[in-house]
Structure formats: C-alpha cells, structure tokens
Amino acid sequence: MPKMKSKRAAAKRFRATGAGRIRRGTAGKSHLMTGKSANRLRGLRKNRMVSPADEKRIKELLPYSF
C-alpha cells in the first residue's frame, strides 16, 4: 500500500501542537487594516486552536502529522 498524500493546502494552514491539538492562523488580517483598531490588530497576530468539532476533519487531511 503506498503512503497517503497530505492535502497541501491544509498543510500550509495548520500545524500540530505537542498535545495533539491543531493550531491555525487568525482570519481577517490580509487587508483593510486601517479600519481596525490597534488592539484588535494585536489580537489578530496570535494563533488560535481549531475547534474540537472540526479537529477530526482536519486530521484526515493531514494523515502523518499526528
């Protein structure tokens, strides 16, 4: 049986943590920054975790990351 391929689009967007959760970037920081407050933009720099409801779906896209 050949090795499974990971979905490259998902591999560029998600990373696994040591605990097995999935880390993702924050949406809403690609353009239109002038209308957003500095406090809001600082919060957008941080990474978030994928919700538990979506974790199973993401893990199927990245078979060897976990």
Protein backbone atom coordinates (compact mmCIF):
# COMPACT_ATOMS: atom_id res chain seq x y z
CA MET A 1 0.00 0.00 0.00
CA PRO A 2 1.55 3.34 -0.95
CA LYS A 3 1.80 6.18 1.51
CA MET A 4 -1.13 8.57 1.66
CA LYS A 5 -0.59 12.14 0.48
CA SER A 6 -1.42 15.03 2.75
CA LYS A 7 -3.54 17.85 1.35
CA ARG A 8 -1.00 20.58 0.67
CA ALA A 9 -3.45 23.44 1.19
CA ALA A 10 -4.22 22.14 4.68
CA ALA A 11 -0.55 21.51 5.45
CA LYS A 12 0.22 25.17 4.80
CA ARG A 13 -2.57 26.37 7.12
CA PHE A 14 -2.46 24.02 10.11
CA ARG A 15 0.21 22.74 12.50
CA ALA A 16 0.01 20.11 15.21
CA THR A 17 0.86 21.02 18.80
CA GLY A 18 2.64 18.71 21.21
CA ALA A 19 -0.65 17.85 22.88
CA GLY A 20 -2.20 16.79 19.56
CA ARG A 21 -4.40 19.83 19.08
CA ILE A 22 -4.39 21.75 15.80
CA ARG A 23 -3.15 25.32 15.60
CA ARG A 24 -4.44 27.73 12.97
CA GLY A 25 -3.87 31.32 11.96
CA THR A 26 -6.38 34.09 12.56
CA ALA A 27 -8.72 35.29 9.82
CA GLY A 28 -9.22 38.93 8.89
CA LYS A 29 -5.67 40.24 8.68
CA SER A 30 -4.91 40.25 4.95
CA HIS A 31 -6.25 43.70 4.02
CA LEU A 32 -8.40 46.65 5.21
CA MET A 33 -6.27 47.22 8.30
CA THR A 34 -6.94 50.94 8.62
CA GLY A 35 -10.49 50.42 9.84
CA LYS A 36 -9.42 48.07 12.63
CA SER A 37 -8.18 49.27 16.00
CA ALA A 38 -4.60 48.65 17.12
CA ASN A 39 -5.88 46.50 19.96
CA ARG A 40 -7.82 44.34 17.52
CA LEU A 41 -4.84 44.01 15.17
CA ARG A 42 -2.60 42.91 18.04
CA GLY A 43 -5.08 40.15 18.81
CA LEU A 44 -5.13 39.05 15.18
CA ARG A 45 -1.39 38.33 15.29
CA LYS A 46 -1.90 35.41 17.65
CA ASN A 47 -2.65 31.86 16.60
CA ARG A 48 -5.81 30.04 17.65
CA MET A 49 -6.78 26.41 18.08
CA VAL A 50 -9.14 24.62 15.73
CA SER A 51 -12.43 23.85 17.49
CA PRO A 52 -12.93 20.26 18.66
CA ALA A 53 -15.86 19.90 16.26
CA ASP A 54 -13.54 20.46 13.28
CA GLU A 55 -10.45 18.61 14.51
CA LYS A 56 -11.39 15.21 13.10
CA ARG A 57 -11.98 16.66 9.63
CA ILE A 58 -8.60 18.45 9.62
CA LYS A 59 -6.73 15.39 10.89
CA GLU A 60 -7.99 13.37 7.93
CA LEU A 61 -6.40 15.91 5.58
CA LEU A 62 -3.01 15.55 7.32
CA PRO A 63 -2.53 11.80 7.83
CA TYR A 64 1.04 11.75 9.21
CA SER A 65 1.10 14.88 11.39
CA PHE A 66 -0.39 13.26 14.50
